[in-house]
Amino acid sequence: MNNITKSDISIAVIGLGYVGLPLAVEFGKKYKVIGFDTNAERVSDLVNGIDQTLQTTEIEIKAASHLHFSSELSSIQHSNIYIVTVPTPVDANKQPDLKLLLNASAMIGKHLKNGDIVIYESTVYPGCTEEDCVPILENESGLKYNQDFYCGYSPERINPGDKVNTLTNIKKVTSGSTPGIAAIVDTLYASIIKAGTHKASSIKVAEASKSIENAQRDINISFVNELALIFDKMGIDTQEVLDAAATKWNFLPFKPGLVGGHCIGVDPYYLAFKAKKLGHNPQVILSGREVNDQMSSFVTNKLVRLLDQNGVNKPGARILLLGVTFKENCPDIRNSKVFEIYNQLTAMGYTVEAFDPFANAKNVLSDHQIELITNLSHYDGIVLTVAHDFFKSLDYKSLMNSANTVIYDTRSFLDKKIVTARL
């Protein structure tokens, strides 16, 4: 396998979501690629150049002339490099849910051949590739790890909705199960990543690097979220404090807010899980998670206080939530905390409507039983929960039920003159 050439390479990308599709498209410009997903509707859309995640365009998909999409498992059988990009969420108890990852490993194992390489991109805890996935590959294939087949790990760094820091513009960490395989994996990714690669010394090191990337960001955000909780009690505008502190050259520019998505709100639990298995209680990581997980309740309760203060907290008061995605300018609703706010307010008896020009209304209805509105009305409370650029163009006066309507900006995104309060 160390002598692999470009003409020999046949790649199967398993999972065509926010991570897998851009990867399949870039590799498909140079190599034979099968983009595989069990969702036949998703595959049908992609065949027609439609990407519901908005990560790629029809033009970009068509430019990948060697890429073919399929939901038929038999389509991957002739591949010799398999790249796994399936989601790795947590369950209701905040424990790693590896079902999709292990199922993908089992599927690949059925087609694994001598000399094949399986590369994982899904975020996991250190050790997961070799401790959890490799045994399944061996069992399903009857082959021996690092004798008959090999593995690599290259953590995804996709930033949904970001049109600047795209796949090819972000440096890629790579690794392999032997020095020779590590070189092959690194060379493979280097052929499409303009920003270059960083070859880690082992799969476990590469896995750990991904875990701490998101845990570090989570902790930094939890710090400013805790500041928001404190300053709220003091009657101080948190954003004004941050603006003042940011005049120092080495102050880190993090902002308070709801922390959702498939990475930051999930990955720290993977690292914490592994730490606990080894007998260490990860206090900093988990305390950061605890702070961030309570922010939806804080936003709900603060809105209620603001409604009381403005004298518009009446039975059935109408509330508008602007945005349901986990971040701005993208349709990704995974682990969005806005739905918690919606459910909390609804349970309190408010009439709640949600509007989002990016979110897929069908997915929101299916996943959360919430019907997004398309026509805005008049409201007693307006909560900007997601900083979509589109929301800057709204006429907020026309949305107010009265002069006392509360406009609560949780992202410090709108002009301060038009809002009642900021997070």
Protein backbone atom coordinates (compact mmCIF):
# COMPACT_ATOMS: atom_id res chain seq x y z
CA MET A 1 0.00 0.00 0.00
CA ASN A 2 2.92 2.34 0.52
CA ASN A 3 3.40 2.49 -3.25
CA ILE A 4 -0.13 3.71 -3.97
CA THR A 5 -0.44 6.01 -7.00
CA LYS A 6 -3.10 8.54 -7.96
CA SER A 7 -4.60 6.22 -10.57
CA ASP A 8 -4.97 3.50 -7.93
CA ILE A 9 -6.94 5.64 -5.51
CA SER A 10 -10.66 4.98 -5.22
CA ILE A 11 -12.29 6.77 -2.31
CA ALA A 12 -15.61 6.16 -0.58
CA VAL A 13 -16.85 8.99 1.63
CA ILE A 14 -19.35 7.57 4.12
CA GLY A 15 -21.86 10.23 5.18
CA LEU A 16 -22.74 13.28 3.07
CA GLY A 17 -23.58 15.92 5.65
CA TYR A 18 -21.82 19.18 6.48
CA VAL A 19 -18.46 17.38 6.66
CA GLY A 20 -18.68 14.59 4.11
CA LEU A 21 -20.08 16.47 1.13
CA PRO A 22 -17.40 19.20 0.87
CA LEU A 23 -14.76 16.49 1.29
CA ALA A 24 -16.29 14.29 -1.42
CA VAL A 25 -16.52 17.29 -3.76
CA GLU A 26 -12.87 18.29 -3.32
CA PHE A 27 -11.54 14.74 -3.66
CA GLY A 28 -13.92 14.19 -6.60
CA LYS A 29 -12.05 16.82 -8.59
CA LYS A 30 -8.92 14.61 -8.60
CA TYR A 31 -9.81 11.04 -7.70
CA LYS A 32 -12.51 8.45 -8.24
CA VAL A 33 -14.97 9.05 -5.40
CA ILE A 34 -18.21 7.46 -4.27
CA GLY A 35 -20.21 9.74 -1.99
CA PHE A 36 -22.32 7.31 0.04
CA ASP A 37 -25.24 8.11 2.34
CA THR A 38 -28.05 5.91 3.63
CA ASN A 39 -30.49 8.80 3.09
CA ALA A 40 -31.78 8.17 -0.43
CA GLU A 41 -33.54 11.57 -0.55
CA ARG A 42 -30.29 13.33 0.29
CA VAL A 43 -28.48 11.41 -2.44
CA SER A 44 -31.22 12.22 -4.96
CA ASP A 45 -30.90 15.92 -4.17
CA LEU A 46 -27.13 15.81 -4.62
CA VAL A 47 -27.39 14.00 -7.94
CA ASN A 48 -29.46 17.00 -9.05
CA GLY A 49 -26.91 19.46 -7.64
CA ILE A 50 -29.04 20.46 -4.63
CA ASP A 51 -27.34 20.77 -1.24
CA GLN A 52 -29.82 21.53 1.54
CA THR A 53 -26.95 22.31 3.95
CA LEU A 54 -25.77 25.16 1.66
CA GLN A 55 -22.16 24.01 2.09
CA THR A 56 -21.71 23.58 -1.66
CA THR A 57 -23.32 24.85 -4.84
CA GLU A 58 -24.53 23.06 -7.94
CA ILE A 59 -21.55 24.47 -9.83
CA GLU A 60 -19.10 23.10 -7.25
CA ILE A 61 -20.76 19.68 -7.27
CA LYS A 62 -20.68 19.51 -11.06
CA ALA A 63 -16.99 20.50 -11.03
CA ALA A 64 -16.21 17.28 -9.15
CA SER A 65 -16.18 15.26 -12.36
CA HIS A 66 -15.00 12.02 -10.73
CA LEU A 67 -17.64 12.07 -7.97
CA HIS A 68 -20.68 9.81 -7.99
CA PHE A 69 -23.39 9.66 -5.33
CA SER A 70 -25.12 6.53 -4.10
CA SER A 71 -27.27 5.13 -1.30
CA GLU A 72 -26.52 1.55 -2.38
CA LEU A 73 -24.00 -0.13 -0.09
CA SER A 74 -22.64 -2.23 -2.97
CA SER A 75 -21.35 0.98 -4.58
CA ILE A 76 -18.43 1.19 -2.13
CA GLN A 77 -17.12 -2.34 -2.60
CA HIS A 78 -14.38 -1.46 -5.07
CA SER A 79 -12.98 1.44 -3.01
CA ASN A 80 -9.59 1.15 -1.32
CA ILE A 81 -9.78 4.26 0.87
CA TYR A 82 -12.81 4.74 3.08
CA ILE A 83 -13.41 8.07 4.85
CA VAL A 84 -16.01 8.08 7.62
CA THR A 85 -17.77 11.39 8.28
CA VAL A 86 -20.92 10.35 10.16
CA PRO A 87 -22.25 12.30 13.18
CA THR A 88 -21.15 11.39 16.70
CA PRO A 89 -23.74 12.95 19.04
CA VAL A 90 -24.38 12.42 22.74
CA ASP A 91 -27.45 10.71 24.19
CA ALA A 92 -29.99 12.09 26.67
CA ASN A 93 -27.51 11.43 29.50
CA LYS A 94 -24.70 13.36 27.75
CA GLN A 95 -22.86 10.12 27.02
CA PRO A 96 -21.17 9.41 23.66
CA ASP A 97 -23.55 7.89 21.13
CA LEU A 98 -21.39 5.90 18.73
CA LYS A 99 -24.15 4.00 16.95
CA LEU A 100 -23.70 5.68 13.57
CA LEU A 101 -19.91 5.42 13.77
CA LEU A 102 -19.96 1.73 14.68
CA ASN A 103 -22.61 0.97 12.06
CA ALA A 104 -20.47 2.68 9.42
CA SER A 105 -17.49 0.60 10.55
CA ALA A 106 -19.54 -2.59 10.21
CA MET A 107 -20.68 -1.61 6.71
CA ILE A 108 -17.12 -0.92 5.61
CA GLY A 109 -15.86 -4.10 7.24
CA LYS A 110 -18.07 -6.17 4.97
CA HIS A 111 -16.21 -4.81 1.93
CA LEU A 112 -12.71 -4.39 3.39
CA LYS A 113 -9.87 -5.88 1.34
CA ASN A 114 -6.16 -6.39 1.75
CA GLY A 115 -4.30 -3.09 1.69
CA ASP A 116 -7.37 -0.89 2.26
CA ILE A 117 -7.22 2.21 4.48
CA VAL A 118 -10.10 3.42 6.66
CA ILE A 119 -9.83 7.08 7.70
CA TYR A 120 -12.11 8.50 10.38
CA GLU A 121 -13.05 12.18 10.51
CA SER A 122 -15.92 11.97 13.00
CA THR A 123 -15.13 13.59 16.34
CA VAL A 124 -14.41 10.99 19.02
CA TYR A 125 -12.55 10.64 22.31
CA PRO A 126 -8.86 9.69 22.19
CA GLY A 127 -8.51 5.97 21.55
CA CYS A 128 -11.93 5.43 19.97
CA THR A 129 -10.67 4.60 16.46
CA GLU A 130 -8.42 1.76 17.57
CA GLU A 131 -10.35 0.61 20.64
CA ASP A 132 -13.93 0.73 19.30
CA CYS A 133 -13.87 0.86 15.50
CA VAL A 134 -10.92 -1.38 14.59
CA PRO A 135 -12.31 -4.50 16.36
CA ILE A 136 -15.51 -4.16 14.31
CA LEU A 137 -13.53 -3.79 11.09
CA GLU A 138 -11.53 -6.91 11.98
CA ASN A 139 -14.59 -8.90 12.97
CA GLU A 140 -16.61 -8.03 9.86
CA SER A 141 -13.75 -8.46 7.40
CA GLY A 142 -11.80 -11.32 8.93
CA LEU A 143 -8.67 -9.25 8.27
CA LYS A 144 -5.91 -8.22 10.69
CA TYR A 145 -5.30 -4.58 11.61
CA ASN A 146 -1.94 -3.20 10.46
CA GLN A 147 -1.23 -6.40 8.58
CA ASP A 148 -4.09 -6.63 6.09
CA PHE A 149 -5.74 -3.22 6.43
CA TYR A 150 -4.86 0.12 8.02
CA CYS A 151 -6.48 3.15 9.60
CA GLY A 152 -6.02 6.88 9.76
CA TYR A 153 -7.66 9.75 11.59
CA SER A 154 -8.05 13.30 10.30
CA PRO A 155 -10.41 15.40 12.41
CA GLU A 156 -12.93 17.49 10.51
CA ARG A 157 -12.68 21.25 10.85
CA ILE A 158 -15.75 22.29 8.89
CA ASN A 159 -17.33 25.55 10.03
CA PRO A 160 -20.97 25.48 8.80
CA GLY A 161 -22.01 28.62 6.97
CA ASP A 162 -18.46 30.00 6.75
CA LYS A 163 -17.63 30.96 3.16
CA VAL A 164 -14.11 32.14 4.02
CA ASN A 165 -12.71 29.37 6.23
CA THR A 166 -13.71 26.55 3.92
CA LEU A 167 -12.36 23.00 3.81
CA THR A 168 -9.35 23.75 1.62
CA ASN A 169 -8.45 26.92 3.53
CA ILE A 170 -8.16 25.28 6.96
CA LYS A 171 -5.00 23.40 7.91
CA LYS A 172 -5.72 19.67 8.27
CA VAL A 173 -4.42 17.39 10.99
CA THR A 174 -3.64 13.89 9.69
CA SER A 175 -2.44 10.60 11.16
CA GLY A 176 -2.03 6.94 10.32
CA SER A 177 -1.73 3.61 12.07
CA THR A 178 1.84 3.07 10.82
CA PRO A 179 4.47 5.60 9.70
CA GLY A 180 3.98 4.56 6.09
CA ILE A 181 0.21 4.88 6.25
CA ALA A 182 0.52 8.22 8.03
CA ALA A 183 2.58 9.45 5.07
CA ILE A 184 -0.03 8.23 2.58
CA VAL A 185 -2.91 9.82 4.50
CA ASP A 186 -1.01 13.09 4.82
CA THR A 187 -0.12 13.15 1.12
CA LEU A 188 -3.72 12.40 0.19
CA TYR A 189 -5.12 15.33 2.16
CA ALA A 190 -2.27 17.63 1.16
CA SER A 191 -3.35 17.15 -2.45
CA ILE A 192 -6.61 19.07 -1.80
CA ILE A 193 -5.90 21.25 1.25
CA LYS A 194 -4.37 24.57 0.16
CA ALA A 195 -3.63 25.57 3.77
CA GLY A 196 -1.42 22.52 4.26
CA THR A 197 -1.41 19.64 6.71
CA HIS A 198 -0.02 18.75 10.12
CA LYS A 199 0.97 15.10 10.49
CA ALA A 200 0.35 13.99 14.08
CA SER A 201 2.54 11.33 15.63
CA SER A 202 -0.35 8.94 16.23
CA ILE A 203 -4.07 8.45 15.71
CA LYS A 204 -4.69 9.06 19.41
CA VAL A 205 -2.88 12.41 19.30
CA ALA A 206 -4.99 13.49 16.31
CA GLU A 207 -8.18 12.42 18.08
CA ALA A 208 -7.19 14.35 21.20
CA SER A 209 -6.39 17.49 19.21
CA LYS A 210 -9.95 17.64 17.92
CA SER A 211 -11.39 17.10 21.39
CA ILE A 212 -9.51 20.01 22.91
CA GLU A 213 -10.21 22.41 20.01
CA ASN A 214 -13.89 22.45 20.83
CA ALA A 215 -13.50 22.06 24.59
CA GLN A 216 -11.27 25.14 24.66
CA ARG A 217 -13.81 27.23 22.76
CA ASP A 218 -16.62 25.94 24.95
CA ILE A 219 -14.75 26.95 28.11
CA ASN A 220 -13.96 30.42 26.73
CA ILE A 221 -17.61 31.01 25.88
CA SER A 222 -18.72 29.68 29.26
CA PHE A 223 -16.51 32.29 30.92
CA VAL A 224 -18.22 35.21 29.16
CA ASN A 225 -21.62 33.55 29.71
CA GLU A 226 -20.91 33.44 33.42
CA LEU A 227 -19.91 37.10 33.25
CA ALA A 228 -23.29 37.80 31.63
CA LEU A 229 -25.04 36.06 34.53
CA ILE A 230 -23.07 38.12 37.05
CA PHE A 231 -23.40 41.47 35.27
CA ASP A 232 -27.13 40.92 34.80
CA LYS A 233 -27.47 40.90 38.60
CA MET A 234 -25.43 44.09 38.75
CA GLY A 235 -27.46 45.85 36.08
CA ILE A 236 -24.41 46.21 33.82
CA ASP A 237 -24.45 45.78 30.03
CA THR A 238 -22.11 42.83 29.40
CA GLN A 239 -21.23 43.92 25.88
CA GLU A 240 -20.11 47.32 27.13
CA VAL A 241 -17.82 45.60 29.62
CA LEU A 242 -16.37 43.37 26.91
CA ASP A 243 -15.86 46.34 24.58
CA ALA A 244 -13.90 48.13 27.29
CA ALA A 245 -11.81 45.06 28.17
CA ALA A 246 -11.09 44.41 24.47
CA THR A 247 -9.02 47.58 24.29
CA LYS A 248 -6.22 45.52 25.86
CA TRP A 249 -4.20 43.82 23.11
CA ASN A 250 -4.34 40.30 24.55
CA PHE A 251 -7.99 40.16 25.64
CA LEU A 252 -9.78 37.29 23.89
CA PRO A 253 -12.85 38.49 21.92
CA PHE A 254 -15.48 35.94 22.98
CA LYS A 255 -19.15 36.90 23.31
CA PRO A 256 -21.91 35.42 25.48
CA GLY A 257 -24.72 33.47 23.88
CA LEU A 258 -26.42 30.15 23.28
CA VAL A 259 -23.95 27.33 22.60
CA GLY A 260 -25.31 24.68 20.28
CA GLY A 261 -24.27 22.84 17.17
CA HIS A 262 -22.77 19.45 16.62
CA CYS A 263 -19.28 20.29 17.89
CA ILE A 264 -18.89 22.79 20.74
CA GLY A 265 -22.02 21.69 22.57
CA VAL A 266 -21.19 17.99 22.20
CA ASP A 267 -17.48 17.23 21.90
CA PRO A 268 -16.43 18.25 25.44
CA TYR A 269 -18.62 15.43 26.75
CA TYR A 270 -16.54 12.96 24.71
CA LEU A 271 -13.32 14.13 26.32
CA ALA A 272 -14.97 14.16 29.76
CA PHE A 273 -16.27 10.62 29.20
CA LYS A 274 -12.79 9.28 28.46
CA ALA A 275 -11.26 11.20 31.37
CA LYS A 276 -13.77 9.68 33.80
CA LYS A 277 -13.06 6.20 32.42
CA LEU A 278 -9.43 6.79 33.36
CA GLY A 279 -10.33 7.94 36.87
CA HIS A 280 -10.01 11.70 36.40
CA ASN A 281 -12.85 14.12 37.09
CA PRO A 282 -12.59 16.89 34.44
CA GLN A 283 -13.86 19.77 36.55
CA VAL A 284 -13.05 22.68 34.23
CA ILE A 285 -14.55 21.03 31.13
CA LEU A 286 -17.76 20.02 32.88
CA SER A 287 -18.21 23.29 34.74
CA GLY A 288 -18.00 25.11 31.40
CA ARG A 289 -20.63 22.80 29.98
CA GLU A 290 -22.88 23.39 33.00
CA VAL A 291 -22.75 27.16 32.53
CA ASN A 292 -23.44 26.98 28.80
CA ASP A 293 -26.26 24.47 29.21
CA GLN A 294 -28.18 26.83 31.52
CA MET A 295 -28.16 29.81 29.15
CA SER A 296 -31.46 28.95 27.46
CA SER A 297 -33.23 29.06 30.83
CA PHE A 298 -31.48 32.33 31.66
CA VAL A 299 -32.68 33.90 28.38
CA THR A 300 -36.24 32.69 29.03
CA ASN A 301 -36.34 34.00 32.57
CA LYS A 302 -34.79 37.33 31.65
CA LEU A 303 -37.36 37.81 28.89
CA VAL A 304 -40.15 37.21 31.41
CA ARG A 305 -38.62 39.84 33.73
CA LEU A 306 -38.37 42.32 30.86
CA LEU A 307 -42.01 41.71 29.92
CA ASP A 308 -42.99 42.36 33.54
CA GLN A 309 -40.95 45.55 33.68
CA ASN A 310 -42.54 46.84 30.46
CA GLY A 311 -46.06 45.96 31.58
CA VAL A 312 -46.75 43.62 28.64
CA ASN A 313 -46.64 40.30 30.48
CA LYS A 314 -50.26 39.40 29.90
CA PRO A 315 -51.91 35.98 29.40
CA GLY A 316 -51.02 34.63 25.98
CA ALA A 317 -48.56 37.42 25.26
CA ARG A 318 -47.14 37.03 21.76
CA ILE A 319 -43.44 36.26 21.52
CA LEU A 320 -41.32 36.13 18.34
CA LEU A 321 -38.07 34.18 18.24
CA LEU A 322 -35.82 35.39 15.45
CA GLY A 323 -33.72 32.40 14.41
CA VAL A 324 -33.72 28.71 15.33
CA THR A 325 -30.41 27.55 13.82
CA PHE A 326 -27.43 27.07 16.13
CA LYS A 327 -25.41 29.79 14.40
CA GLU A 328 -25.76 32.65 11.97
CA ASN A 329 -26.27 32.47 8.20
CA CYS A 330 -26.54 28.69 7.93
CA PRO A 331 -29.43 26.17 8.05
CA ASP A 332 -27.88 23.89 10.70
CA ILE A 333 -30.35 23.27 13.56
CA ARG A 334 -28.39 20.50 15.30
CA ASN A 335 -28.40 20.91 19.07
CA SER A 336 -29.80 24.44 18.79
CA LYS A 337 -30.74 25.79 22.21
CA VAL A 338 -33.42 28.03 20.71
CA PHE A 339 -35.85 25.13 20.77
CA GLU A 340 -35.43 24.90 24.53
CA ILE A 341 -36.43 28.57 24.82
CA TYR A 342 -39.43 27.96 22.56
CA ASN A 343 -40.60 25.03 24.67
CA GLN A 344 -40.01 26.84 27.97
CA LEU A 345 -42.02 29.88 26.87
CA THR A 346 -44.80 27.73 25.42
CA ALA A 347 -45.05 25.79 28.69
CA MET A 348 -45.46 29.12 30.53
CA GLY A 349 -48.51 29.94 28.42
CA TYR A 350 -47.04 32.40 25.93
CA THR A 351 -48.00 32.37 22.25
CA VAL A 352 -44.65 31.76 20.61
CA GLU A 353 -43.75 32.03 16.93
CA ALA A 354 -40.37 31.31 15.32
CA PHE A 355 -39.03 32.79 12.11
CA ASP A 356 -35.84 31.76 10.32
CA PRO A 357 -35.05 32.41 6.65
CA PHE A 358 -32.21 29.84 6.68
CA ALA A 359 -33.64 26.86 8.55
CA ASN A 360 -35.31 24.02 6.65
CA ALA A 361 -38.95 24.28 7.79
CA LYS A 362 -39.57 20.61 7.01
CA ASN A 363 -36.70 19.50 9.26
CA VAL A 364 -37.75 21.84 12.08
CA LEU A 365 -41.29 20.45 11.99
CA SER A 366 -40.08 16.85 11.81
CA ASP A 367 -37.43 17.13 14.52
CA HIS A 368 -39.09 19.59 16.93
CA GLN A 369 -42.80 19.71 16.01
CA ILE A 370 -42.51 23.46 15.50
CA GLU A 371 -43.97 25.13 12.42
CA LEU A 372 -41.86 28.08 11.32
CA ILE A 373 -43.85 31.14 10.29
CA THR A 374 -43.36 32.92 6.97
CA ASN A 375 -45.38 36.08 7.67
CA LEU A 376 -44.45 38.29 10.61
CA SER A 377 -47.12 39.93 12.77
CA HIS A 378 -47.12 42.11 15.91
CA TYR A 379 -45.56 40.98 19.18
CA ASP A 380 -45.23 41.84 22.87
CA GLY A 381 -41.74 40.37 22.96
CA ILE A 382 -39.11 39.90 20.24
CA VAL A 383 -36.01 37.81 20.97
CA LEU A 384 -33.12 37.87 18.54
CA THR A 385 -31.60 34.44 19.16
CA VAL A 386 -29.47 34.05 16.00
CA ALA A 387 -27.41 36.78 14.32
CA HIS A 388 -28.49 36.16 10.73
CA ASP A 389 -27.46 39.14 8.58
CA PHE A 390 -31.04 39.16 7.26
CA PHE A 391 -32.35 40.28 10.65
CA LYS A 392 -30.58 43.63 10.40
CA SER A 393 -32.89 44.58 7.55
CA LEU A 394 -36.14 44.06 9.50
CA ASP A 395 -38.33 47.01 10.47
CA TYR A 396 -38.63 46.31 14.19
CA LYS A 397 -41.08 49.13 14.85
CA SER A 398 -43.56 47.46 12.51
CA LEU A 399 -43.33 44.25 14.56
CA MET A 400 -44.16 45.89 17.90
CA ASN A 401 -47.59 45.43 19.45
CA SER A 402 -47.06 48.63 21.39
CA ALA A 403 -44.38 51.11 22.37
CA ASN A 404 -43.65 48.82 25.33
CA THR A 405 -42.83 45.74 23.25
CA VAL A 406 -39.64 44.09 24.55
CA ILE A 407 -36.80 43.63 22.05
CA TYR A 408 -34.21 41.35 23.63
CA ASP A 409 -30.95 40.93 21.68
CA THR A 410 -29.08 37.84 22.88
CA ARG A 411 -26.27 38.34 20.35
CA SER A 412 -25.49 42.06 20.79
CA PHE A 413 -26.15 42.23 17.07
CA LEU A 414 -28.72 44.98 16.62
CA ASP A 415 -28.33 48.71 17.11
CA LYS A 416 -28.45 49.26 20.85
CA LYS A 417 -30.87 52.18 20.36
CA ILE A 418 -33.68 49.88 19.24
CA VAL A 419 -33.35 47.11 21.85
CA THR A 420 -34.70 46.86 25.37
CA ALA A 421 -31.81 44.75 26.62
CA ARG A 422 -28.84 42.67 25.47
CA LEU A 423 -27.52 39.40 26.88
